[in-house]
Each structure stands twice: as structure tokens, then as C-alpha cells.
Amino acid sequence: MIAAIGAMLRAAERHIIILVDGFIMTACALGAIRLYPAAQSYMVFGHCGDESGHRRMLDAIGAKPLLSLGLRLGEGTGALCAFPILDSAVRMINEMNNFENGNITKYF
């Protein structure tokens, strides 16, 4: 857990998005946030698992997970499910055309 907290702190220091998945990584995220509150702005919480403690930790830091699938598997499946949503959002922001570039002059 110490290594995961350190990795989260380093990622935040380097302005890298952190996809937090599951109970254990949420506990690490909570520790990282307590040490360096600004780290939370780089965290995306992939899902809320089925463990009652997971919801309580997410609530304690005010995190809104992307998904709530009731997972309890522990091998990162929540992150695997959340990643395409994040990827789509980034692609939409970076690649979506606008009215000017699309030569659209009217809205109807």
C-alpha cells in the first residue's frame, strides 16, 4: 500500500490522471489525499465496489465513481470497465469537430 500511495503522489506531482479502482486502491487514494489534498484533483474513481467500506471511503473524500457495478473481484475489472468511458471523453474533447471547422453555417 505504501508503494501505491507513493505512486499516486508522484503521478499527481507530474499532473498525471490516476484511475482509482476498488477497495484497496481507494484506501491508498484516501491516504494520498490526506498527505497531499491536491492529489484528489488528479483522481478518477472507476467504480464503487460491493464492500460497505468502499462506499464509506468514497463518501469520506467526496468522490463520485463513474460506475457502481457491485464488483468485488479485486483484479482491476472496475478500471477496465471505466477506462473506455474516460478514453471516449478524452477523444471527444480532443477530436470532436466544431461548427466552424465543419463549415456549418446554420443550426437547423
PDB file of N, CA and C in Angstrom:
ATOM      1  N   MET A   1       0.819  -1.187   0.000  1.00  0.00           N
ATOM      2  CA  MET A   1       0.000   0.000   0.000  1.00  0.00           C
ATOM      3  C   MET A   1       0.862   1.249   0.000  1.00  0.00           C
ATOM      4  N   ILE A   2       1.995   1.217   0.675  1.00  0.00           N
ATOM      5  CA  ILE A   2       2.873   2.383   0.728  1.00  0.00           C
ATOM      6  C   ILE A   2       3.355   2.736  -0.677  1.00  0.00           C
ATOM      7  N   ALA A   3       3.719   1.715  -1.458  1.00  0.00           N
ATOM      8  CA  ALA A   3       4.191   1.964  -2.824  1.00  0.00           C
ATOM      9  C   ALA A   3       3.082   2.572  -3.682  1.00  0.00           C
ATOM     10  N   ALA A   4       1.854   2.104  -3.515  1.00  0.00           N
ATOM     11  CA  ALA A   4       0.731   2.637  -4.296  1.00  0.00           C
ATOM     12  C   ALA A   4       0.463   4.092  -3.929  1.00  0.00           C
ATOM     13  N   ILE A   5       0.526   4.418  -2.639  1.00  0.00           N
ATOM     14  CA  ILE A   5       0.340   5.803  -2.210  1.00  0.00           C
ATOM     15  C   ILE A   5       1.435   6.678  -2.801  1.00  0.00           C
ATOM     16  N   GLY A   6       2.673   6.200  -2.753  1.00  0.00           N
ATOM     17  CA  GLY A   6       3.787   6.944  -3.334  1.00  0.00           C
ATOM     18  C   GLY A   6       3.606   7.158  -4.826  1.00  0.00           C
ATOM     19  N   ALA A   7       3.135   6.129  -5.522  1.00  0.00           N
ATOM     20  CA  ALA A   7       2.905   6.260  -6.966  1.00  0.00           C
ATOM     21  C   ALA A   7       1.806   7.281  -7.257  1.00  0.00           C
ATOM     22  N   MET A   8       0.772   7.282  -6.438  1.00  0.00           N
ATOM     23  CA  MET A   8      -0.308   8.255  -6.626  1.00  0.00           C
ATOM     24  C   MET A   8       0.191   9.679  -6.389  1.00  0.00           C
ATOM     25  N   LEU A   9       0.995   9.850  -5.353  1.00  0.00           N
ATOM     26  CA  LEU A   9       1.537  11.177  -5.058  1.00  0.00           C
ATOM     27  C   LEU A   9       2.459  11.650  -6.183  1.00  0.00           C
ATOM     28  N   ARG A  10       3.274  10.744  -6.698  1.00  0.00           N
ATOM     29  CA  ARG A  10       4.184  11.101  -7.803  1.00  0.00           C
ATOM     30  C   ARG A  10       3.392  11.435  -9.065  1.00  0.00           C
ATOM     31  N   ALA A  11       2.355  10.662  -9.353  1.00  0.00           N
ATOM     32  CA  ALA A  11       1.522  10.936 -10.533  1.00  0.00           C
ATOM     33  C   ALA A  11       0.888  12.318 -10.415  1.00  0.00           C
ATOM     34  N   ALA A  12       0.369  12.641  -9.250  1.00  0.00           N
ATOM     35  CA  ALA A  12      -0.241  13.960  -9.039  1.00  0.00           C
ATOM     36  C   ALA A  12       0.803  15.061  -9.191  1.00  0.00           C
ATOM     37  N   GLU A  13       1.980  14.818  -8.667  1.00  0.00           N
ATOM     38  CA  GLU A  13       3.069  15.791  -8.789  1.00  0.00           C
ATOM     39  C   GLU A  13       3.410  16.053 -10.255  1.00  0.00           C
ATOM     40  N   ARG A  14       3.294  15.018 -11.081  1.00  0.00           N
ATOM     41  CA  ARG A  14       3.601  15.142 -12.510  1.00  0.00           C
ATOM     42  C   ARG A  14       2.373  15.470 -13.349  1.00  0.00           C
ATOM     43  N   HIS A  15       1.241  15.756 -12.688  1.00  0.00           N
ATOM     44  CA  HIS A  15      -0.015  16.122 -13.357  1.00  0.00           C
ATOM     45  C   HIS A  15      -0.533  15.006 -14.262  1.00  0.00           C
ATOM     46  N   ILE A  16      -0.492  13.794 -13.755  1.00  0.00           N
ATOM     47  CA  ILE A  16      -0.960  12.607 -14.487  1.00  0.00           C
ATOM     48  C   ILE A  16      -2.253  12.126 -13.836  1.00  0.00           C
ATOM     49  N   ILE A  17      -3.237  11.825 -14.661  1.00  0.00           N
ATOM     50  CA  ILE A  17      -4.516  11.318 -14.163  1.00  0.00           C
ATOM     51  C   ILE A  17      -4.324   9.934 -13.544  1.00  0.00           C
ATOM     52  N   ILE A  18      -5.000   9.704 -12.437  1.00  0.00           N
ATOM     53  CA  ILE A  18      -4.922   8.438 -11.711  1.00  0.00           C
ATOM     54  C   ILE A  18      -6.302   7.790 -11.760  1.00  0.00           C
ATOM     55  N   LEU A  19      -6.387   6.605 -12.332  1.00  0.00           N
ATOM     56  CA  LEU A  19      -7.645   5.858 -12.350  1.00  0.00           C
ATOM     57  C   LEU A  19      -7.647   4.933 -11.136  1.00  0.00           C
ATOM     58  N   VAL A  20      -8.460   5.271 -10.160  1.00  0.00           N
ATOM     59  CA  VAL A  20      -8.509   4.535  -8.894  1.00  0.00           C
ATOM     60  C   VAL A  20      -9.565   3.440  -9.009  1.00  0.00           C
ATOM     61  N   ASP A  21      -9.187   2.227  -8.662  1.00  0.00           N
ATOM     62  CA  ASP A  21     -10.089   1.088  -8.805  1.00  0.00           C
ATOM     63  C   ASP A  21     -10.137   0.288  -7.517  1.00  0.00           C
ATOM     64  N   GLY A  22     -11.315   0.021  -7.047  1.00  0.00           N
ATOM     65  CA  GLY A  22     -11.517  -0.932  -5.973  1.00  0.00           C
ATOM     66  C   GLY A  22     -11.236  -0.433  -4.566  1.00  0.00           C
ATOM     67  N   PHE A  23     -11.530  -1.301  -3.631  1.00  0.00           N
ATOM     68  CA  PHE A  23     -11.442  -1.011  -2.200  1.00  0.00           C
ATOM     69  C   PHE A  23     -10.025  -0.653  -1.773  1.00  0.00           C
ATOM     70  N   ILE A  24      -9.057  -1.488  -2.120  1.00  0.00           N
ATOM     71  CA  ILE A  24      -7.687  -1.280  -1.656  1.00  0.00           C
ATOM     72  C   ILE A  24      -7.092  -0.006  -2.253  1.00  0.00           C
ATOM     73  N   MET A  25      -7.294   0.215  -3.540  1.00  0.00           N
ATOM     74  CA  MET A  25      -6.747   1.418  -4.164  1.00  0.00           C
ATOM     75  C   MET A  25      -7.467   2.677  -3.688  1.00  0.00           C
ATOM     76  N   THR A  26      -8.726   2.554  -3.317  1.00  0.00           N
ATOM     77  CA  THR A  26      -9.427   3.695  -2.734  1.00  0.00           C
ATOM     78  C   THR A  26      -8.853   4.008  -1.356  1.00  0.00           C
ATOM     79  N   ALA A  27      -8.493   2.978  -0.588  1.00  0.00           N
ATOM     80  CA  ALA A  27      -7.831   3.202   0.703  1.00  0.00           C
ATOM     81  C   ALA A  27      -6.494   3.909   0.489  1.00  0.00           C
ATOM     82  N   CYS A  28      -5.762   3.514  -0.534  1.00  0.00           N
ATOM     83  CA  CYS A  28      -4.496   4.178  -0.860  1.00  0.00           C
ATOM     84  C   CYS A  28      -4.745   5.618  -1.286  1.00  0.00           C
ATOM     85  N   ALA A  29      -5.774   5.831  -2.092  1.00  0.00           N
ATOM     86  CA  ALA A  29      -6.112   7.185  -2.532  1.00  0.00           C
ATOM     87  C   ALA A  29      -6.459   8.059  -1.333  1.00  0.00           C
ATOM     88  N   LEU A  30      -7.189   7.506  -0.399  1.00  0.00           N
ATOM     89  CA  LEU A  30      -7.545   8.242   0.817  1.00  0.00           C
ATOM     90  C   LEU A  30      -6.283   8.653   1.573  1.00  0.00           C
ATOM     91  N   GLY A  31      -5.330   7.732   1.688  1.00  0.00           N
ATOM     92  CA  GLY A  31      -4.056   8.052   2.341  1.00  0.00           C
ATOM     93  C   GLY A  31      -3.298   9.134   1.591  1.00  0.00           C
ATOM     94  N   ALA A  32      -3.258   9.023   0.261  1.00  0.00           N
ATOM     95  CA  ALA A  32      -2.556  10.024  -0.553  1.00  0.00           C
ATOM     96  C   ALA A  32      -3.201  11.396  -0.415  1.00  0.00           C
ATOM     97  N   ILE A  33      -4.519  11.428  -0.389  1.00  0.00           N
ATOM     98  CA  ILE A  33      -5.246  12.696  -0.259  1.00  0.00           C
ATOM     99  C   ILE A  33      -4.993  13.321   1.111  1.00  0.00           C
ATOM    100  N   ARG A  34      -4.906  12.493   2.142  1.00  0.00           N
ATOM    101  CA  ARG A  34      -4.630  13.021   3.489  1.00  0.00           C
ATOM    102  C   ARG A  34      -3.230  13.646   3.549  1.00  0.00           C
ATOM    103  N   LEU A  35      -2.278  13.051   2.804  1.00  0.00           N
ATOM    104  CA  LEU A  35      -0.919  13.587   2.778  1.00  0.00           C
ATOM    105  C   LEU A  35      -0.784  14.810   1.877  1.00  0.00           C
ATOM    106  N   TYR A  36      -1.517  14.793   0.766  1.00  0.00           N
ATOM    107  CA  TYR A  36      -1.414  15.867  -0.239  1.00  0.00           C
ATOM    108  C   TYR A  36      -2.788  16.060  -0.867  1.00  0.00           C
ATOM    109  N   PRO A  37      -3.629  16.908  -0.269  1.00  0.00           N
ATOM    110  CA  PRO A  37      -5.014  17.060  -0.715  1.00  0.00           C
ATOM    111  C   PRO A  37      -5.179  17.370  -2.205  1.00  0.00           C
ATOM    112  N   ALA A  38      -4.228  18.072  -2.807  1.00  0.00           N
ATOM    113  CA  ALA A  38      -4.329  18.420  -4.235  1.00  0.00           C
ATOM    114  C   ALA A  38      -4.282  17.178  -5.129  1.00  0.00           C
ATOM    115  N   ALA A  39      -3.811  16.056  -4.605  1.00  0.00           N
ATOM    116  CA  ALA A  39      -3.750  14.828  -5.403  1.00  0.00           C
ATOM    117  C   ALA A  39      -5.135  14.390  -5.860  1.00  0.00           C
ATOM    118  N   GLN A  40      -6.162  14.717  -5.088  1.00  0.00           N
ATOM    119  CA  GLN A  40      -7.513  14.283  -5.431  1.00  0.00           C
ATOM    120  C   GLN A  40      -7.962  14.833  -6.779  1.00  0.00           C
ATOM    121  N   SER A  41      -7.480  16.009  -7.148  1.00  0.00           N
ATOM    122  CA  SER A  41      -7.916  16.594  -8.422  1.00  0.00           C
ATOM    123  C   SER A  41      -7.383  15.822  -9.623  1.00  0.00           C
ATOM    124  N   TYR A  42      -6.455  14.896  -9.414  1.00  0.00           N
ATOM    125  CA  TYR A  42      -5.938  14.055 -10.496  1.00  0.00           C
ATOM    126  C   TYR A  42      -6.546  12.658 -10.482  1.00  0.00           C
ATOM    127  N   MET A  43      -7.440  12.401  -9.547  1.00  0.00           N
ATOM    128  CA  MET A  43      -8.004  11.061  -9.389  1.00  0.00           C
ATOM    129  C   MET A  43      -9.381  10.945 -10.016  1.00  0.00           C
ATOM    130  N   VAL A  44      -9.556   9.868 -10.751  1.00  0.00           N
ATOM    131  CA  VAL A  44     -10.858   9.484 -11.281  1.00  0.00           C
ATOM    132  C   VAL A  44     -11.163   8.136 -10.641  1.00  0.00           C
ATOM    133  N   PHE A  45     -12.305   8.038  -9.995  1.00  0.00           N
ATOM    134  CA  PHE A  45     -12.675   6.804  -9.305  1.00  0.00           C
ATOM    135  C   PHE A  45     -13.527   5.970 -10.252  1.00  0.00           C
ATOM    136  N   GLY A  46     -13.004   4.817 -10.637  1.00  0.00           N
ATOM    137  CA  GLY A  46     -13.621   3.998 -11.670  1.00  0.00           C
ATOM    138  C   GLY A  46     -14.950   3.388 -11.284  1.00  0.00           C
ATOM    139  N   HIS A  47     -15.051   2.901 -10.063  1.00  0.00           N
ATOM    140  CA  HIS A  47     -16.308   2.258  -9.648  1.00  0.00           C
ATOM    141  C   HIS A  47     -16.392   2.175  -8.142  1.00  0.00           C
ATOM    142  N   CYS A  48     -17.578   1.875  -7.693  1.00  0.00           N
ATOM    143  CA  CYS A  48     -17.808   1.589  -6.278  1.00  0.00           C
ATOM    144  C   CYS A  48     -18.097   0.106  -6.156  1.00  0.00           C
ATOM    145  N   GLY A  49     -17.294  -0.561  -5.377  1.00  0.00           N
ATOM    146  CA  GLY A  49     -17.465  -1.995  -5.196  1.00  0.00           C
ATOM    147  C   GLY A  49     -18.589  -2.334  -4.229  1.00  0.00           C
ATOM    148  N   ASP A  50     -18.757  -3.611  -3.996  1.00  0.00           N
ATOM    149  CA  ASP A  50     -19.849  -4.114  -3.169  1.00  0.00           C
ATOM    150  C   ASP A  50     -19.553  -4.041  -1.669  1.00  0.00           C
ATOM    151  N   GLU A  51     -18.294  -3.778  -1.294  1.00  0.00           N
ATOM    152  CA  GLU A  51     -17.948  -3.705   0.122  1.00  0.00           C
ATOM    153  C   GLU A  51     -18.492  -2.414   0.730  1.00  0.00           C
ATOM    154  N   SER A  52     -19.103  -2.507   1.904  1.00  0.00           N
ATOM    155  CA  SER A  52     -19.683  -1.317   2.533  1.00  0.00           C
ATOM    156  C   SER A  52     -18.608  -0.274   2.844  1.00  0.00           C
ATOM    157  N   GLY A  53     -17.429  -0.711   3.171  1.00  0.00           N
ATOM    158  CA  GLY A  53     -16.337   0.217   3.463  1.00  0.00           C
ATOM    159  C   GLY A  53     -15.906   1.019   2.253  1.00  0.00           C
ATOM    160  N   HIS A  54     -16.086   0.452   1.075  1.00  0.00           N
ATOM    161  CA  HIS A  54     -15.698   1.169  -0.138  1.00  0.00           C
ATOM    162  C   HIS A  54     -16.551   2.421  -0.303  1.00  0.00           C
ATOM    163  N   ARG A  55     -17.844   2.277  -0.173  1.00  0.00           N
ATOM    164  CA  ARG A  55     -18.754   3.426  -0.272  1.00  0.00           C
ATOM    165  C   ARG A  55     -18.426   4.461   0.792  1.00  0.00           C
ATOM    166  N   ARG A  56     -18.105   3.996   1.990  1.00  0.00           N
ATOM    167  CA  ARG A  56     -17.801   4.924   3.081  1.00  0.00           C
ATOM    168  C   ARG A  56     -16.534   5.730   2.797  1.00  0.00           C
ATOM    169  N   MET A  57     -15.520   5.085   2.238  1.00  0.00           N
ATOM    170  CA  MET A  57     -14.300   5.821   1.886  1.00  0.00           C
ATOM    171  C   MET A  57     -14.569   6.827   0.776  1.00  0.00           C
ATOM    172  N   LEU A  58     -15.321   6.405  -0.243  1.00  0.00           N
ATOM    173  CA  LEU A  58     -15.651   7.325  -1.337  1.00  0.00           C
ATOM    174  C   LEU A  58     -16.426   8.530  -0.805  1.00  0.00           C
ATOM    175  N   ASP A  59     -17.365   8.280   0.094  1.00  0.00           N
ATOM    176  CA  ASP A  59     -18.130   9.371   0.702  1.00  0.00           C
ATOM    177  C   ASP A  59     -17.236  10.286   1.535  1.00  0.00           C
ATOM    178  N   ALA A  60     -16.267   9.704   2.240  1.00  0.00           N
ATOM    179  CA  ALA A  60     -15.379  10.493   3.097  1.00  0.00           C
ATOM    180  C   ALA A  60     -14.557  11.497   2.310  1.00  0.00           C
ATOM    181  N   ILE A  61     -14.231  11.154   1.075  1.00  0.00           N
ATOM    182  CA  ILE A  61     -13.440  12.084   0.260  1.00  0.00           C
ATOM    183  C   ILE A  61     -14.290  12.802  -0.785  1.00  0.00           C
ATOM    184  N   GLY A  62     -15.582  12.533  -0.773  1.00  0.00           N
ATOM    185  CA  GLY A  62     -16.480  13.215  -1.709  1.00  0.00           C
ATOM    186  C   GLY A  62     -16.302  12.769  -3.147  1.00  0.00           C
ATOM    187  N   ALA A  63     -15.867  11.549  -3.343  1.00  0.00           N
ATOM    188  CA  ALA A  63     -15.624  11.033  -4.696  1.00  0.00           C
ATOM    189  C   ALA A  63     -16.898  10.451  -5.289  1.00  0.00           C
ATOM    190  N   LYS A  64     -17.102  10.719  -6.555  1.00  0.00           N
ATOM    191  CA  LYS A  64     -18.238  10.178  -7.298  1.00  0.00           C
ATOM    192  C   LYS A  64     -17.696   9.196  -8.340  1.00  0.00           C
ATOM    193  N   PRO A  65     -17.832   7.904  -8.097  1.00  0.00           N
ATOM    194  CA  PRO A  65     -17.294   6.934  -9.056  1.00  0.00           C
ATOM    195  C   PRO A  65     -18.083   6.937 -10.363  1.00  0.00           C
ATOM    196  N   LEU A  66     -17.403   6.580 -11.445  1.00  0.00           N
ATOM    197  CA  LEU A  66     -18.054   6.523 -12.747  1.00  0.00           C
ATOM    198  C   LEU A  66     -19.110   5.422 -12.801  1.00  0.00           C
ATOM    199  N   LEU A  67     -18.828   4.290 -12.165  1.00  0.00           N
ATOM    200  CA  LEU A  67     -19.706   3.119 -12.238  1.00  0.00           C
ATOM    201  C   LEU A  67     -19.976   2.560 -10.849  1.00  0.00           C
ATOM    202  N   SER A  68     -21.088   1.901 -10.716  1.00  0.00           N
ATOM    203  CA  SER A  68     -21.399   1.168  -9.497  1.00  0.00           C
ATOM    204  C   SER A  68     -21.917  -0.196  -9.930  1.00  0.00           C
ATOM    205  N   LEU A  69     -21.007  -1.140 -10.047  1.00  0.00           N
ATOM    206  CA  LEU A  69     -21.336  -2.451 -10.623  1.00  0.00           C
ATOM    207  C   LEU A  69     -21.412  -3.565  -9.589  1.00  0.00           C
ATOM    208  N   GLY A  70     -21.173  -3.235  -8.327  1.00  0.00           N
ATOM    209  CA  GLY A  70     -21.219  -4.267  -7.297  1.00  0.00           C
ATOM    210  C   GLY A  70     -20.078  -5.262  -7.414  1.00  0.00           C
ATOM    211  N   LEU A  71     -18.972  -4.864  -8.035  1.00  0.00           N
ATOM    212  CA  LEU A  71     -17.834  -5.771  -8.199  1.00  0.00           C
ATOM    213  C   LEU A  71     -17.119  -5.971  -6.874  1.00  0.00           C
ATOM    214  N   ARG A  72     -16.516  -7.135  -6.740  1.00  0.00           N
ATOM    215  CA  ARG A  72     -15.761  -7.469  -5.530  1.00  0.00           C
ATOM    216  C   ARG A  72     -14.646  -8.437  -5.903  1.00  0.00           C
ATOM    217  N   LEU A  73     -14.150  -8.298  -7.105  1.00  0.00           N
ATOM    218  CA  LEU A  73     -13.226  -9.294  -7.636  1.00  0.00           C
ATOM    219  C   LEU A  73     -11.771  -9.014  -7.282  1.00  0.00           C
ATOM    220  N   GLY A  74     -11.375  -7.761  -7.248  1.00  0.00           N
ATOM    221  CA  GLY A  74     -10.035  -7.419  -6.801  1.00  0.00           C
ATOM    222  C   GLY A  74      -8.937  -7.455  -7.833  1.00  0.00           C
ATOM    223  N   GLU A  75      -9.263  -7.626  -9.092  1.00  0.00           N
ATOM    224  CA  GLU A  75      -8.182  -7.656 -10.081  1.00  0.00           C
ATOM    225  C   GLU A  75      -8.263  -6.516 -11.085  1.00  0.00           C
ATOM    226  N   GLY A  76      -8.899  -5.437 -10.720  1.00  0.00           N
ATOM    227  CA  GLY A  76      -8.915  -4.255 -11.576  1.00  0.00           C
ATOM    228  C   GLY A  76      -9.996  -4.234 -12.629  1.00  0.00           C
ATOM    229  N   THR A  77     -11.013  -5.076 -12.499  1.00  0.00           N
ATOM    230  CA  THR A  77     -12.067  -5.112 -13.515  1.00  0.00           C
ATOM    231  C   THR A  77     -12.867  -3.820 -13.558  1.00  0.00           C
ATOM    232  N   GLY A  78     -12.987  -3.125 -12.433  1.00  0.00           N
ATOM    233  CA  GLY A  78     -13.683  -1.835 -12.426  1.00  0.00           C
ATOM    234  C   GLY A  78     -12.963  -0.816 -13.288  1.00  0.00           C
ATOM    235  N   ALA A  79     -11.635  -0.795 -13.200  1.00  0.00           N
ATOM    236  CA  ALA A  79     -10.846   0.116 -14.033  1.00  0.00           C
ATOM    237  C   ALA A  79     -10.976  -0.264 -15.503  1.00  0.00           C
ATOM    238  N   LEU A  80     -10.996  -1.554 -15.788  1.00  0.00           N
ATOM    239  CA  LEU A  80     -11.155  -1.992 -17.175  1.00  0.00           C
ATOM    240  C   LEU A  80     -12.502  -1.570 -17.746  1.00  0.00           C
ATOM    241  N   CYS A  81     -13.527  -1.561 -16.907  1.00  0.00           N
ATOM    242  CA  CYS A  81     -14.851  -1.125 -17.363  1.00  0.00           C
ATOM    243  C   CYS A  81     -14.926   0.398 -17.485  1.00  0.00           C
ATOM    244  N   ALA A  82     -14.234   1.117 -16.612  1.00  0.00           N
ATOM    245  CA  ALA A  82     -14.296   2.586 -16.618  1.00  0.00           C
ATOM    246  C   ALA A  82     -13.399   3.203 -17.675  1.00  0.00           C
ATOM    247  N   PHE A  83     -12.313   2.528 -18.043  1.00  0.00           N
ATOM    248  CA  PHE A  83     -11.345   3.122 -18.967  1.00  0.00           C
ATOM    249  C   PHE A  83     -11.957   3.544 -20.301  1.00  0.00           C
ATOM    250  N   PRO A  84     -12.802   2.726 -20.943  1.00  0.00           N
ATOM    251  CA  PRO A  84     -13.380   3.173 -22.222  1.00  0.00           C
ATOM    252  C   PRO A  84     -14.212   4.450 -22.087  1.00  0.00           C
ATOM    253  N   ILE A  85     -14.826   4.663 -20.942  1.00  0.00           N
ATOM    254  CA  ILE A  85     -15.590   5.895 -20.720  1.00  0.00           C
ATOM    255  C   ILE A  85     -14.635   7.090 -20.696  1.00  0.00           C
ATOM    256  N   LEU A  86     -13.529   6.946 -19.974  1.00  0.00           N
ATOM    257  CA  LEU A  86     -12.537   8.019 -19.927  1.00  0.00           C
ATOM    258  C   LEU A  86     -11.917   8.260 -21.294  1.00  0.00           C
ATOM    259  N   ASP A  87     -11.585   7.180 -21.980  1.00  0.00           N
ATOM    260  CA  ASP A  87     -10.992   7.296 -23.312  1.00  0.00           C
ATOM    261  C   ASP A  87     -11.947   8.023 -24.262  1.00  0.00           C
ATOM    262  N   SER A  88     -13.213   7.682 -24.212  1.00  0.00           N
ATOM    263  CA  SER A  88     -14.210   8.344 -25.065  1.00  0.00           C
ATOM    264  C   SER A  88     -14.315   9.827 -24.739  1.00  0.00           C
ATOM    265  N   ALA A  89     -14.282  10.163 -23.467  1.00  0.00           N
ATOM    266  CA  ALA A  89     -14.377  11.567 -23.071  1.00  0.00           C
ATOM    267  C   ALA A  89     -13.173  12.360 -23.571  1.00  0.00           C
ATOM    268  N   VAL A  90     -11.982  11.798 -23.437  1.00  0.00           N
ATOM    269  CA  VAL A  90     -10.776  12.481 -23.916  1.00  0.00           C
ATOM    270  C   VAL A  90     -10.815  12.632 -25.428  1.00  0.00           C
ATOM    271  N   ARG A  91     -11.213  11.576 -26.123  1.00  0.00           N
ATOM    272  CA  ARG A  91     -11.294  11.659 -27.584  1.00  0.00           C
ATOM    273  C   ARG A  91     -12.324  12.697 -28.023  1.00  0.00           C
ATOM    274  N   MET A  92     -13.442  12.762 -27.325  1.00  0.00           N
ATOM    275  CA  MET A  92     -14.470  13.732 -27.684  1.00  0.00           C
ATOM    276  C   MET A  92     -13.936  15.158 -27.531  1.00  0.00           C
ATOM    277  N   ILE A  93     -13.240  15.414 -26.447  1.00  0.00           N
ATOM    278  CA  ILE A  93     -12.688  16.747 -26.220  1.00  0.00           C
ATOM    279  C   ILE A  93     -11.619  17.082 -27.265  1.00  0.00           C
ATOM    280  N   ASN A  94     -10.753  16.128 -27.548  1.00  0.00           N
ATOM    281  CA  ASN A  94      -9.626  16.392 -28.440  1.00  0.00           C
ATOM    282  C   ASN A  94      -9.935  16.277 -29.921  1.00  0.00           C
ATOM    283  N   GLU A  95     -10.922  15.477 -30.293  1.00  0.00           N
ATOM    284  CA  GLU A  95     -11.141  15.181 -31.701  1.00  0.00           C
ATOM    285  C   GLU A  95     -12.471  15.654 -32.261  1.00  0.00           C
ATOM    286  N   MET A  96     -13.368  16.082 -31.412  1.00  0.00           N
ATOM    287  CA  MET A  96     -14.682  16.471 -31.901  1.00  0.00           C
ATOM    288  C   MET A  96     -14.582  17.752 -32.731  1.00  0.00           C
ATOM    289  N   ASN A  97     -15.228  17.741 -33.847  1.00  0.00           N
ATOM    290  CA  ASN A  97     -15.237  18.897 -34.719  1.00  0.00           C
ATOM    291  C   ASN A  97     -16.160  19.962 -34.142  1.00  0.00           C
ATOM    292  N   ASN A  98     -16.009  21.175 -34.607  1.00  0.00           N
ATOM    293  CA  ASN A  98     -16.909  22.238 -34.181  1.00  0.00           C
ATOM    294  C   ASN A  98     -17.616  22.807 -35.409  1.00  0.00           C
ATOM    295  N   PHE A  99     -18.557  23.689 -35.198  1.00  0.00           N
ATOM    296  CA  PHE A  99     -19.339  24.231 -36.319  1.00  0.00           C
ATOM    297  C   PHE A  99     -18.462  24.963 -37.329  1.00  0.00           C
ATOM    298  N   GLU A 100     -17.493  25.714 -36.836  1.00  0.00           N
ATOM    299  CA  GLU A 100     -16.634  26.477 -37.742  1.00  0.00           C
ATOM    300  C   GLU A 100     -15.789  25.558 -38.622  1.00  0.00           C
ATOM    301  N   ASN A 101     -15.136  24.584 -38.020  1.00  0.00           N
ATOM    302  CA  ASN A 101     -14.279  23.666 -38.796  1.00  0.00           C
ATOM    303  C   ASN A 101     -15.109  22.771 -39.716  1.00  0.00           C
ATOM    304  N   GLY A 102     -16.346  22.494 -39.348  1.00  0.00           N
ATOM    305  CA  GLY A 102     -17.206  21.644 -40.163  1.00  0.00           C
ATOM    306  C   GLY A 102     -17.941  22.434 -41.239  1.00  0.00           C
ATOM    307  N   ASN A 103     -17.674  23.732 -41.342  1.00  0.00           N
ATOM    308  CA  ASN A 103     -18.332  24.606 -42.333  1.00  0.00           C
ATOM    309  C   ASN A 103     -19.855  24.576 -42.197  1.00  0.00           C
ATOM    310  N   ILE A 104     -20.331  24.552 -40.969  1.00  0.00           N
ATOM    311  CA  ILE A 104     -21.767  24.566 -40.721  1.00  0.00           C
ATOM    312  C   ILE A 104     -22.177  26.004 -40.412  1.00  0.00           C
ATOM    313  N   THR A 105     -23.077  26.545 -41.208  1.00  0.00           N
ATOM    314  CA  THR A 105     -23.446  27.950 -41.057  1.00  0.00           C
ATOM    315  C   THR A 105     -24.784  28.130 -40.359  1.00  0.00           C
ATOM    316  N   LYS A 106     -25.638  27.094 -40.367  1.00  0.00           N
ATOM    317  CA  LYS A 106     -26.943  27.201 -39.726  1.00  0.00           C
ATOM    318  C   LYS A 106     -27.102  26.074 -38.720  1.00  0.00           C
ATOM    319  N   TYR A 107     -27.915  26.316 -37.720  1.00  0.00           N
ATOM    320  CA  TYR A 107     -28.121  25.325 -36.647  1.00  0.00           C
ATOM    321  C   TYR A 107     -29.292  24.395 -36.928  1.00  0.00           C
ATOM    322  N   PHE A 108     -29.882  24.452 -38.131  1.00  0.00           N
ATOM    323  CA  PHE A 108     -31.013  23.582 -38.434  1.00  0.00           C
ATOM    324  C   PHE A 108     -30.861  22.983 -39.797  1.00  0.00           C
TER     325      PHE A 108
END
